[in-house]
PDB file of N, CA and C in Angstrom:
ATOM      1  N   MET A   1     221.844  50.359  88.154  1.00  0.00           N
ATOM      2  CA  MET A   1     222.596  51.116  88.042  1.00  0.00           C
ATOM      3  C   MET A   1     222.300  51.818  86.872  1.00  0.00           C
ATOM      4  N   ALA A   2     221.636  51.792  85.543  1.00  0.00           N
ATOM      5  CA  ALA A   2     221.766  52.493  84.196  1.00  0.00           C
ATOM      6  C   ALA A   2     220.338  53.444  84.665  1.00  0.00           C
ATOM      7  N   GLU A   3     219.324  53.038  85.524  1.00  0.00           N
ATOM      8  CA  GLU A   3     218.206  54.387  85.967  1.00  0.00           C
ATOM      9  C   GLU A   3     218.846  55.087  86.139  1.00  0.00           C
ATOM     10  N   ARG A   4     219.950  55.235  86.839  1.00  0.00           N
ATOM     11  CA  ARG A   4     219.969  56.519  88.041  1.00  0.00           C
ATOM     12  C   ARG A   4     221.120  57.511  87.237  1.00  0.00           C
ATOM     13  N   ASP A   5     221.282  56.628  86.097  1.00  0.00           N
ATOM     14  CA  ASP A   5     222.513  57.626  85.040  1.00  0.00           C
ATOM     15  C   ASP A   5     221.479  58.027  84.144  1.00  0.00           C
ATOM     16  N   TYR A   6     219.886  57.284  83.779  1.00  0.00           N
ATOM     17  CA  TYR A   6     219.396  58.168  82.905  1.00  0.00           C
ATOM     18  C   TYR A   6     218.950  59.302  83.688  1.00  0.00           C
ATOM     19  N   THR A   7     218.398  59.495  84.909  1.00  0.00           N
ATOM     20  CA  THR A   7     217.337  60.018  85.956  1.00  0.00           C
ATOM     21  C   THR A   7     218.768  61.477  85.574  1.00  0.00           C
ATOM     22  N   THR A   8     219.688  61.179  85.652  1.00  0.00           N
ATOM     23  CA  THR A   8     220.819  62.243  85.408  1.00  0.00           C
ATOM     24  C   THR A   8     221.151  63.112  84.726  1.00  0.00           C
ATOM     25  N   ARG A   9     221.193  62.092  83.340  1.00  0.00           N
ATOM     26  CA  ARG A   9     221.053  62.442  82.139  1.00  0.00           C
ATOM     27  C   ARG A   9     219.725  63.699  81.810  1.00  0.00           C
ATOM     28  N   ARG A  10     218.550  62.957  82.303  1.00  0.00           N
ATOM     29  CA  ARG A  10     217.141  64.026  81.959  1.00  0.00           C
ATOM     30  C   ARG A  10     217.473  65.400  82.877  1.00  0.00           C
ATOM     31  N   MET A  11     217.764  65.149  84.022  1.00  0.00           N
ATOM     32  CA  MET A  11     217.736  66.452  84.742  1.00  0.00           C
ATOM     33  C   MET A  11     218.873  67.613  84.190  1.00  0.00           C
ATOM     34  N   GLY A  12     219.861  66.730  83.746  1.00  0.00           N
ATOM     35  CA  GLY A  12     220.967  67.534  83.372  1.00  0.00           C
ATOM     36  C   GLY A  12     220.586  68.397  82.166  1.00  0.00           C
ATOM     37  N   ILE A  13     219.360  67.725  80.920  1.00  0.00           N
ATOM     38  CA  ILE A  13     218.923  68.703  80.185  1.00  0.00           C
ATOM     39  C   ILE A  13     218.284  70.207  80.670  1.00  0.00           C
ATOM     40  N   VAL A  14     217.485  68.925  81.581  1.00  0.00           N
ATOM     41  CA  VAL A  14     216.382  70.493  82.165  1.00  0.00           C
ATOM     42  C   VAL A  14     217.713  71.615  82.927  1.00  0.00           C
ATOM     43  N   LYS A  15     218.444  70.984  83.668  1.00  0.00           N
ATOM     44  CA  LYS A  15     219.315  72.344  83.918  1.00  0.00           C
ATOM     45  C   LYS A  15     220.036  73.294  83.490  1.00  0.00           C
ATOM     46  N   ALA A  16     220.766  72.237  82.264  1.00  0.00           N
ATOM     47  CA  ALA A  16     221.109  73.104  80.750  1.00  0.00           C
ATOM     48  C   ALA A  16     220.114  73.959  80.361  1.00  0.00           C
ATOM     49  N   ILE A  17     219.002  73.628  80.392  1.00  0.00           N
ATOM     50  CA  ILE A  17     217.757  74.764  79.841  1.00  0.00           C
ATOM     51  C   ILE A  17     217.691  75.957  80.835  1.00  0.00           C
ATOM     52  N   GLU A  18     217.639  75.563  81.864  1.00  0.00           N
ATOM     53  CA  GLU A  18     217.202  76.744  82.665  1.00  0.00           C
ATOM     54  C   GLU A  18     218.647  77.134  82.825  1.00  0.00           C
ATOM     55  N   ASN A  19     219.679  77.123  82.648  1.00  0.00           N
ATOM     56  CA  ASN A  19     220.688  78.173  83.112  1.00  0.00           C
ATOM     57  C   ASN A  19     220.808  78.915  81.703  1.00  0.00           C
ATOM     58  N   LYS A  20     220.294  78.500  80.404  1.00  0.00           N
ATOM     59  CA  LYS A  20     220.658  79.409  79.418  1.00  0.00           C
ATOM     60  C   LYS A  20     219.134  80.510  79.391  1.00  0.00           C
ATOM     61  N   LEU A  21     218.347  80.268  80.064  1.00  0.00           N
ATOM     62  CA  LEU A  21     216.879  81.058  80.391  1.00  0.00           C
ATOM     63  C   LEU A  21     217.314  82.066  81.221  1.00  0.00           C
ATOM     64  N   LYS A  22     218.192  81.596  82.211  1.00  0.00           N
ATOM     65  CA  LYS A  22     218.440  82.587  83.663  1.00  0.00           C
ATOM     66  C   LYS A  22     219.334  83.590  82.702  1.00  0.00           C
ATOM     67  N   LEU A  23     220.272  83.209  81.434  1.00  0.00           N
ATOM     68  CA  LEU A  23     221.258  84.373  80.578  1.00  0.00           C
ATOM     69  C   LEU A  23     220.272  85.731  80.511  1.00  0.00           C
ATOM     70  N   ILE A  24     218.798  85.682  80.331  1.00  0.00           N
ATOM     71  CA  ILE A  24     217.824  86.489  80.312  1.00  0.00           C
ATOM     72  C   ILE A  24     218.141  87.508  81.440  1.00  0.00           C
ATOM     73  N   ASN A  25     218.877  88.341  81.184  1.00  0.00           N
ATOM     74  CA  ASN A  25     219.211  89.177  82.230  1.00  0.00           C
ATOM     75  C   ASN A  25     218.502  90.698  81.995  1.00  0.00           C
ATOM     76  N   GLY A  26     217.577  91.249  81.559  1.00  0.00           N
ATOM     77  CA  GLY A  26     216.737  92.862  81.091  1.00  0.00           C
ATOM     78  C   GLY A  26     217.874  93.508  80.441  1.00  0.00           C
ATOM     79  N   ASN A  27     218.852  93.277  80.030  1.00  0.00           N
ATOM     80  CA  ASN A  27     219.682  94.255  79.341  1.00  0.00           C
ATOM     81  C   ASN A  27     219.043  93.377  77.551  1.00  0.00           C
ATOM     82  N   SER A  28     219.774  94.570  76.977  1.00  0.00           N
ATOM     83  CA  SER A  28     219.176  94.484  75.371  1.00  0.00           C
ATOM     84  C   SER A  28     219.480  93.992  74.433  1.00  0.00           C
ATOM     85  N   PRO A  29     218.883  92.790  73.934  1.00  0.00           N
ATOM     86  CA  PRO A  29     217.866  93.165  73.358  1.00  0.00           C
ATOM     87  C   PRO A  29     216.344  92.710  74.598  1.00  0.00           C
ATOM     88  N   TYR A  30     216.813  92.097  75.851  1.00  0.00           N
ATOM     89  CA  TYR A  30     215.676  91.242  76.421  1.00  0.00           C
ATOM     90  C   TYR A  30     215.181  92.866  77.232  1.00  0.00           C
ATOM     91  N   ARG A  31     213.594  92.403  77.546  1.00  0.00           N
ATOM     92  CA  ARG A  31     212.794  93.447  78.201  1.00  0.00           C
ATOM     93  C   ARG A  31     212.877  93.287  79.645  1.00  0.00           C
ATOM     94  N   SER A  32     212.653  91.615  80.346  1.00  0.00           N
ATOM     95  CA  SER A  32     212.865  91.038  81.254  1.00  0.00           C
ATOM     96  C   SER A  32     214.183  90.586  82.054  1.00  0.00           C
ATOM     97  N   ASN A  33     213.946  90.730  83.437  1.00  0.00           N
ATOM     98  CA  ASN A  33     215.114  89.718  84.139  1.00  0.00           C
ATOM     99  C   ASN A  33     214.368  88.435  84.364  1.00  0.00           C
ATOM    100  N   LEU A  34     214.751  87.422  84.094  1.00  0.00           N
ATOM    101  CA  LEU A  34     214.457  86.045  84.214  1.00  0.00           C
ATOM    102  C   LEU A  34     215.588  85.138  85.239  1.00  0.00           C
ATOM    103  N   TYR A  35     216.305  85.880  85.950  1.00  0.00           N
ATOM    104  CA  TYR A  35     217.496  84.898  86.609  1.00  0.00           C
ATOM    105  C   TYR A  35     216.972  84.584  87.813  1.00  0.00           C
ATOM    106  N   ASN A  36     215.999  85.103  88.585  1.00  0.00           N
ATOM    107  CA  ASN A  36     215.325  84.718  89.992  1.00  0.00           C
ATOM    108  C   ASN A  36     214.180  83.409  89.640  1.00  0.00           C
ATOM    109  N   ASN A  37     213.980  83.285  88.578  1.00  0.00           N
ATOM    110  CA  ASN A  37     212.194  83.449  88.207  1.00  0.00           C
ATOM    111  C   ASN A  37     212.455  81.844  86.780  1.00  0.00           C
ATOM    112  N   VAL A  38     213.661  81.188  87.019  1.00  0.00           N
ATOM    113  CA  VAL A  38     213.551  80.268  86.057  1.00  0.00           C
ATOM    114  C   VAL A  38     213.962  79.331  86.904  1.00  0.00           C
ATOM    115  N   LEU A  39     212.746  77.940  86.983  1.00  0.00           N
ATOM    116  CA  LEU A  39     212.979  77.166  87.647  1.00  0.00           C
ATOM    117  C   LEU A  39     212.692  75.390  87.262  1.00  0.00           C
ATOM    118  N   PRO A  40     213.346  74.593  87.320  1.00  0.00           N
ATOM    119  CA  PRO A  40     213.756  73.352  87.012  1.00  0.00           C
ATOM    120  C   PRO A  40     212.434  72.130  87.497  1.00  0.00           C
ATOM    121  N   ARG A  41     211.489  73.002  87.496  1.00  0.00           N
ATOM    122  CA  ARG A  41     209.931  72.156  88.058  1.00  0.00           C
ATOM    123  C   ARG A  41     208.867  73.118  87.630  1.00  0.00           C
ATOM    124  N   LEU A  42     207.714  72.530  87.339  1.00  0.00           N
ATOM    125  CA  LEU A  42     206.328  72.582  86.835  1.00  0.00           C
ATOM    126  C   LEU A  42     205.897  73.427  88.232  1.00  0.00           C
ATOM    127  N   LYS A  43     205.412  74.652  88.059  1.00  0.00           N
ATOM    128  CA  LYS A  43     204.510  75.308  89.288  1.00  0.00           C
ATOM    129  C   LYS A  43     202.922  75.456  88.235  1.00  0.00           C
ATOM    130  N   PHE A  44     201.871  75.390  88.576  1.00  0.00           N
ATOM    131  CA  PHE A  44     200.672  75.872  88.540  1.00  0.00           C
ATOM    132  C   PHE A  44     200.506  77.304  88.792  1.00  0.00           C
ATOM    133  N   TRP A  45     199.240  77.886  87.720  1.00  0.00           N
ATOM    134  CA  TRP A  45     199.406  79.333  87.754  1.00  0.00           C
ATOM    135  C   TRP A  45     198.985  79.987  89.473  1.00  0.00           C
ATOM    136  N   ASP A  46     198.273  79.100  90.305  1.00  0.00           N
ATOM    137  CA  ASP A  46     197.910  79.799  91.656  1.00  0.00           C
ATOM    138  C   ASP A  46     198.976  78.800  92.711  1.00  0.00           C
ATOM    139  N   GLU A  47     200.086  78.964  92.183  1.00  0.00           N
ATOM    140  CA  GLU A  47     201.401  78.561  92.970  1.00  0.00           C
ATOM    141  C   GLU A  47     202.423  80.042  92.586  1.00  0.00           C
ATOM    142  N   VAL A  48     202.156  80.777  91.223  1.00  0.00           N
ATOM    143  CA  VAL A  48     203.291  81.517  91.089  1.00  0.00           C
ATOM    144  C   VAL A  48     203.145  82.617  91.735  1.00  0.00           C
ATOM    145  N   GLN A  49     204.148  83.327  92.426  1.00  0.00           N
ATOM    146  CA  GLN A  49     204.002  84.752  93.137  1.00  0.00           C
ATOM    147  C   GLN A  49     205.202  85.671  92.277  1.00  0.00           C
ATOM    148  N   ASP A  50     206.270  85.286  91.500  1.00  0.00           N
ATOM    149  CA  ASP A  50     206.245  86.752  91.019  1.00  0.00           C
ATOM    150  C   ASP A  50     206.913  86.171  89.326  1.00  0.00           C
ATOM    151  N   PHE A  51     206.203  87.376  88.474  1.00  0.00           N
ATOM    152  CA  PHE A  51     206.302  87.281  87.031  1.00  0.00           C
ATOM    153  C   PHE A  51     207.354  88.230  86.826  1.00  0.00           C
ATOM    154  N   PRO A  52     207.959  87.940  85.502  1.00  0.00           N
ATOM    155  CA  PRO A  52     207.029  86.811  84.875  1.00  0.00           C
ATOM    156  C   PRO A  52     208.202  85.762  84.910  1.00  0.00           C
ATOM    157  N   ALA A  53     207.694  84.231  84.728  1.00  0.00           N
ATOM    158  CA  ALA A  53     208.102  82.747  85.657  1.00  0.00           C
ATOM    159  C   ALA A  53     207.810  82.052  84.635  1.00  0.00           C
ATOM    160  N   VAL A  54     209.320  81.089  84.461  1.00  0.00           N
ATOM    161  CA  VAL A  54     209.760  80.195  83.730  1.00  0.00           C
ATOM    162  C   VAL A  54     209.841  78.772  84.078  1.00  0.00           C
ATOM    163  N   HIS A  55     209.020  77.598  84.278  1.00  0.00           N
ATOM    164  CA  HIS A  55     209.495  76.492  84.610  1.00  0.00           C
ATOM    165  C   HIS A  55     209.423  75.707  83.845  1.00  0.00           C
ATOM    166  N   VAL A  56     210.497  74.548  84.155  1.00  0.00           N
ATOM    167  CA  VAL A  56     211.329  73.805  82.927  1.00  0.00           C
ATOM    168  C   VAL A  56     210.782  72.293  83.479  1.00  0.00           C
ATOM    169  N   SER A  57     210.188  71.554  82.645  1.00  0.00           N
ATOM    170  CA  SER A  57     210.069  69.689  83.398  1.00  0.00           C
ATOM    171  C   SER A  57     210.590  69.204  82.397  1.00  0.00           C
ATOM    172  N   ALA A  58     211.752  67.532  82.718  1.00  0.00           N
ATOM    173  CA  ALA A  58     211.451  66.954  82.158  1.00  0.00           C
ATOM    174  C   ALA A  58     210.036  66.008  81.791  1.00  0.00           C
ATOM    175  N   GLY A  59     209.447  65.501  80.379  1.00  0.00           N
ATOM    176  CA  GLY A  59     208.245  64.727  80.370  1.00  0.00           C
ATOM    177  C   GLY A  59     208.806  63.356  80.120  1.00  0.00           C
ATOM    178  N   ALA A  60     208.080  62.968  79.113  1.00  0.00           N
ATOM    179  CA  ALA A  60     208.077  61.451  78.696  1.00  0.00           C
ATOM    180  C   ALA A  60     209.493  61.142  77.759  1.00  0.00           C
ATOM    181  N   GLU A  61     209.735  60.058  77.738  1.00  0.00           N
ATOM    182  CA  GLU A  61     211.243  59.730  76.943  1.00  0.00           C
ATOM    183  C   GLU A  61     210.834  58.347  76.434  1.00  0.00           C
ATOM    184  N   SER A  62     211.045  58.501  74.928  1.00  0.00           N
ATOM    185  CA  SER A  62     210.799  57.160  74.069  1.00  0.00           C
ATOM    186  C   SER A  62     212.030  57.271  73.617  1.00  0.00           C
ATOM    187  N   ARG A  63     212.250  55.524  73.150  1.00  0.00           N
ATOM    188  CA  ARG A  63     213.563  55.332  72.637  1.00  0.00           C
ATOM    189  C   ARG A  63     213.118  54.533  71.044  1.00  0.00           C
ATOM    190  N   ILE A  64     214.345  54.783  70.427  1.00  0.00           N
ATOM    191  CA  ILE A  64     214.309  53.417  68.699  1.00  0.00           C
ATOM    192  C   ILE A  64     215.713  53.004  68.831  1.00  0.00           C
ATOM    193  N   TYR A  65     215.427  51.953  68.912  1.00  0.00           N
ATOM    194  CA  TYR A  65     216.492  50.701  68.756  1.00  0.00           C
ATOM    195  C   TYR A  65     217.271  50.716  67.224  1.00  0.00           C
ATOM    196  N   GLN A  66     218.221  50.894  67.352  1.00  0.00           N
ATOM    197  CA  GLN A  66     219.277  50.698  66.258  1.00  0.00           C
ATOM    198  C   GLN A  66     219.902  49.938  66.200  1.00  0.00           C
ATOM    199  N   GLY A  67     220.187  49.292  64.906  1.00  0.00           N
ATOM    200  CA  GLY A  67     220.959  48.006  64.746  1.00  0.00           C
ATOM    201  C   GLY A  67     222.053  48.308  65.538  1.00  0.00           C
ATOM    202  N   GLY A  68     223.341  46.849  65.934  1.00  0.00           N
ATOM    203  CA  GLY A  68     224.500  47.286  66.318  1.00  0.00           C
ATOM    204  C   GLY A  68     224.351  48.103  68.141  1.00  0.00           C
ATOM    205  N   GLY A  69     223.142  47.594  68.834  1.00  0.00           N
ATOM    206  CA  GLY A  69     223.088  48.037  70.107  1.00  0.00           C
ATOM    207  C   GLY A  69     223.264  49.884  70.260  1.00  0.00           C
ATOM    208  N   TYR A  70     222.964  50.188  68.820  1.00  0.00           N
ATOM    209  CA  TYR A  70     222.740  51.794  68.660  1.00  0.00           C
ATOM    210  C   TYR A  70     221.570  51.894  69.041  1.00  0.00           C
ATOM    211  N   LYS A  71     221.137  53.466  69.772  1.00  0.00           N
ATOM    212  CA  LYS A  71     219.633  53.356  70.228  1.00  0.00           C
ATOM    213  C   LYS A  71     219.567  55.114  70.163  1.00  0.00           C
ATOM    214  N   ASP A  72     218.202  55.686  69.571  1.00  0.00           N
ATOM    215  CA  ASP A  72     218.084  57.222  69.776  1.00  0.00           C
ATOM    216  C   ASP A  72     217.197  57.402  71.050  1.00  0.00           C
ATOM    217  N   ARG A  73     217.618  58.281  71.929  1.00  0.00           N
ATOM    218  CA  ARG A  73     216.782  58.406  72.833  1.00  0.00           C
ATOM    219  C   ARG A  73     215.990  60.037  72.561  1.00  0.00           C
ATOM    220  N   PHE A  74     214.887  60.295  72.799  1.00  0.00           N
ATOM    221  CA  PHE A  74     214.215  61.601  72.891  1.00  0.00           C
ATOM    222  C   PHE A  74     213.316  61.863  74.101  1.00  0.00           C
ATOM    223  N   LEU A  75     213.364  62.860  74.334  1.00  0.00           N
ATOM    224  CA  LEU A  75     213.138  63.685  75.614  1.00  0.00           C
ATOM    225  C   LEU A  75     212.193  64.936  75.615  1.00  0.00           C
ATOM    226  N   THR A  76     210.668  64.759  76.248  1.00  0.00           N
ATOM    227  CA  THR A  76     210.052  65.811  76.165  1.00  0.00           C
ATOM    228  C   THR A  76     210.458  66.796  77.135  1.00  0.00           C
ATOM    229  N   VAL A  77     210.413  67.905  76.783  1.00  0.00           N
ATOM    230  CA  VAL A  77     210.575  69.148  77.698  1.00  0.00           C
ATOM    231  C   VAL A  77     209.695  70.101  77.925  1.00  0.00           C
ATOM    232  N   THR A  78     209.030  70.342  79.040  1.00  0.00           N
ATOM    233  CA  THR A  78     208.104  71.100  78.727  1.00  0.00           C
ATOM    234  C   THR A  78     208.181  72.440  79.486  1.00  0.00           C
ATOM    235  N   ILE A  79     208.255  73.800  78.940  1.00  0.00           N
ATOM    236  CA  ILE A  79     208.521  74.712  79.178  1.00  0.00           C
ATOM    237  C   ILE A  79     207.102  76.091  79.485  1.00  0.00           C
ATOM    238  N   ARG A  80     206.842  76.260  80.670  1.00  0.00           N
ATOM    239  CA  ARG A  80     205.974  77.055  80.719  1.00  0.00           C
ATOM    240  C   ARG A  80     206.279  78.402  81.243  1.00  0.00           C
ATOM    241  N   VAL A  81     205.661  79.516  80.316  1.00  0.00           N
ATOM    242  CA  VAL A  81     205.910  80.706  80.734  1.00  0.00           C
ATOM    243  C   VAL A  81     204.718  81.449  81.221  1.00  0.00           C
ATOM    244  N   TYR A  82     204.731  82.142  82.530  1.00  0.00           N
ATOM    245  CA  TYR A  82     204.051  82.747  83.057  1.00  0.00           C
ATOM    246  C   TYR A  82     204.345  84.621  83.277  1.00  0.00           C
ATOM    247  N   VAL A  83     202.720  85.406  82.737  1.00  0.00           N
ATOM    248  CA  VAL A  83     203.346  86.539  83.088  1.00  0.00           C
ATOM    249  C   VAL A  83     201.880  87.234  83.467  1.00  0.00           C
ATOM    250  N   GLN A  84     202.042  88.238  83.719  1.00  0.00           N
ATOM    251  CA  GLN A  84     201.061  88.711  84.559  1.00  0.00           C
ATOM    252  C   GLN A  84     200.680  90.457  83.859  1.00  0.00           C
ATOM    253  N   GLU A  85     199.832  90.054  82.746  1.00  0.00           N
ATOM    254  CA  GLU A  85     199.508  91.560  81.971  1.00  0.00           C
ATOM    255  C   GLU A  85     198.197  91.039  81.270  1.00  0.00           C
ATOM    256  N   GLU A  86     197.702  92.296  81.303  1.00  0.00           N
ATOM    257  CA  GLU A  86     196.548  92.398  80.480  1.00  0.00           C
ATOM    258  C   GLU A  86     196.639  92.030  78.716  1.00  0.00           C
ATOM    259  N   ASN A  87     198.182  92.440  78.254  1.00  0.00           N
ATOM    260  CA  ASN A  87     198.018  92.170  77.021  1.00  0.00           C
ATOM    261  C   ASN A  87     199.680  91.097  77.098  1.00  0.00           C
ATOM    262  N   ALA A  88     199.510  90.005  76.963  1.00  0.00           N
ATOM    263  CA  ALA A  88     200.490  89.344  77.299  1.00  0.00           C
ATOM    264  C   ALA A  88     201.544  89.639  76.619  1.00  0.00           C
ATOM    265  N   VAL A  89     201.325  89.659  75.203  1.00  0.00           N
ATOM    266  CA  VAL A  89     202.008  89.632  73.883  1.00  0.00           C
ATOM    267  C   VAL A  89     203.125  91.267  74.440  1.00  0.00           C
ATOM    268  N   PHE A  90     202.824  92.236  75.002  1.00  0.00           N
ATOM    269  CA  PHE A  90     203.437  92.968  75.603  1.00  0.00           C
ATOM    270  C   PHE A  90     204.399  92.825  76.722  1.00  0.00           C
ATOM    271  N   ALA A  91     203.968  91.939  77.843  1.00  0.00           N
ATOM    272  CA  ALA A  91     205.060  92.136  78.555  1.00  0.00           C
ATOM    273  C   ALA A  91     206.506  91.175  77.915  1.00  0.00           C
TER     274      ALA A  91
END
């Protein structure tokens, strides 16, 4: 059952990042509305239809075991941002 707990925590972290990014709503100081274009999974360039798009996913996890049964856990999170613009910095 411990493995399921870890998966739930990993997805909870991805979901929390997704929810924060969805707060980018196009109102000042933001230039774009990301609400409908933030997804908790990766897509490749040829799969993206709406721009700008942000895709978040959990990657590798590492653990460092400390004394007394304590452990530090580190999770790699990949965030891909897709824009369709000649000058991507402008978008």
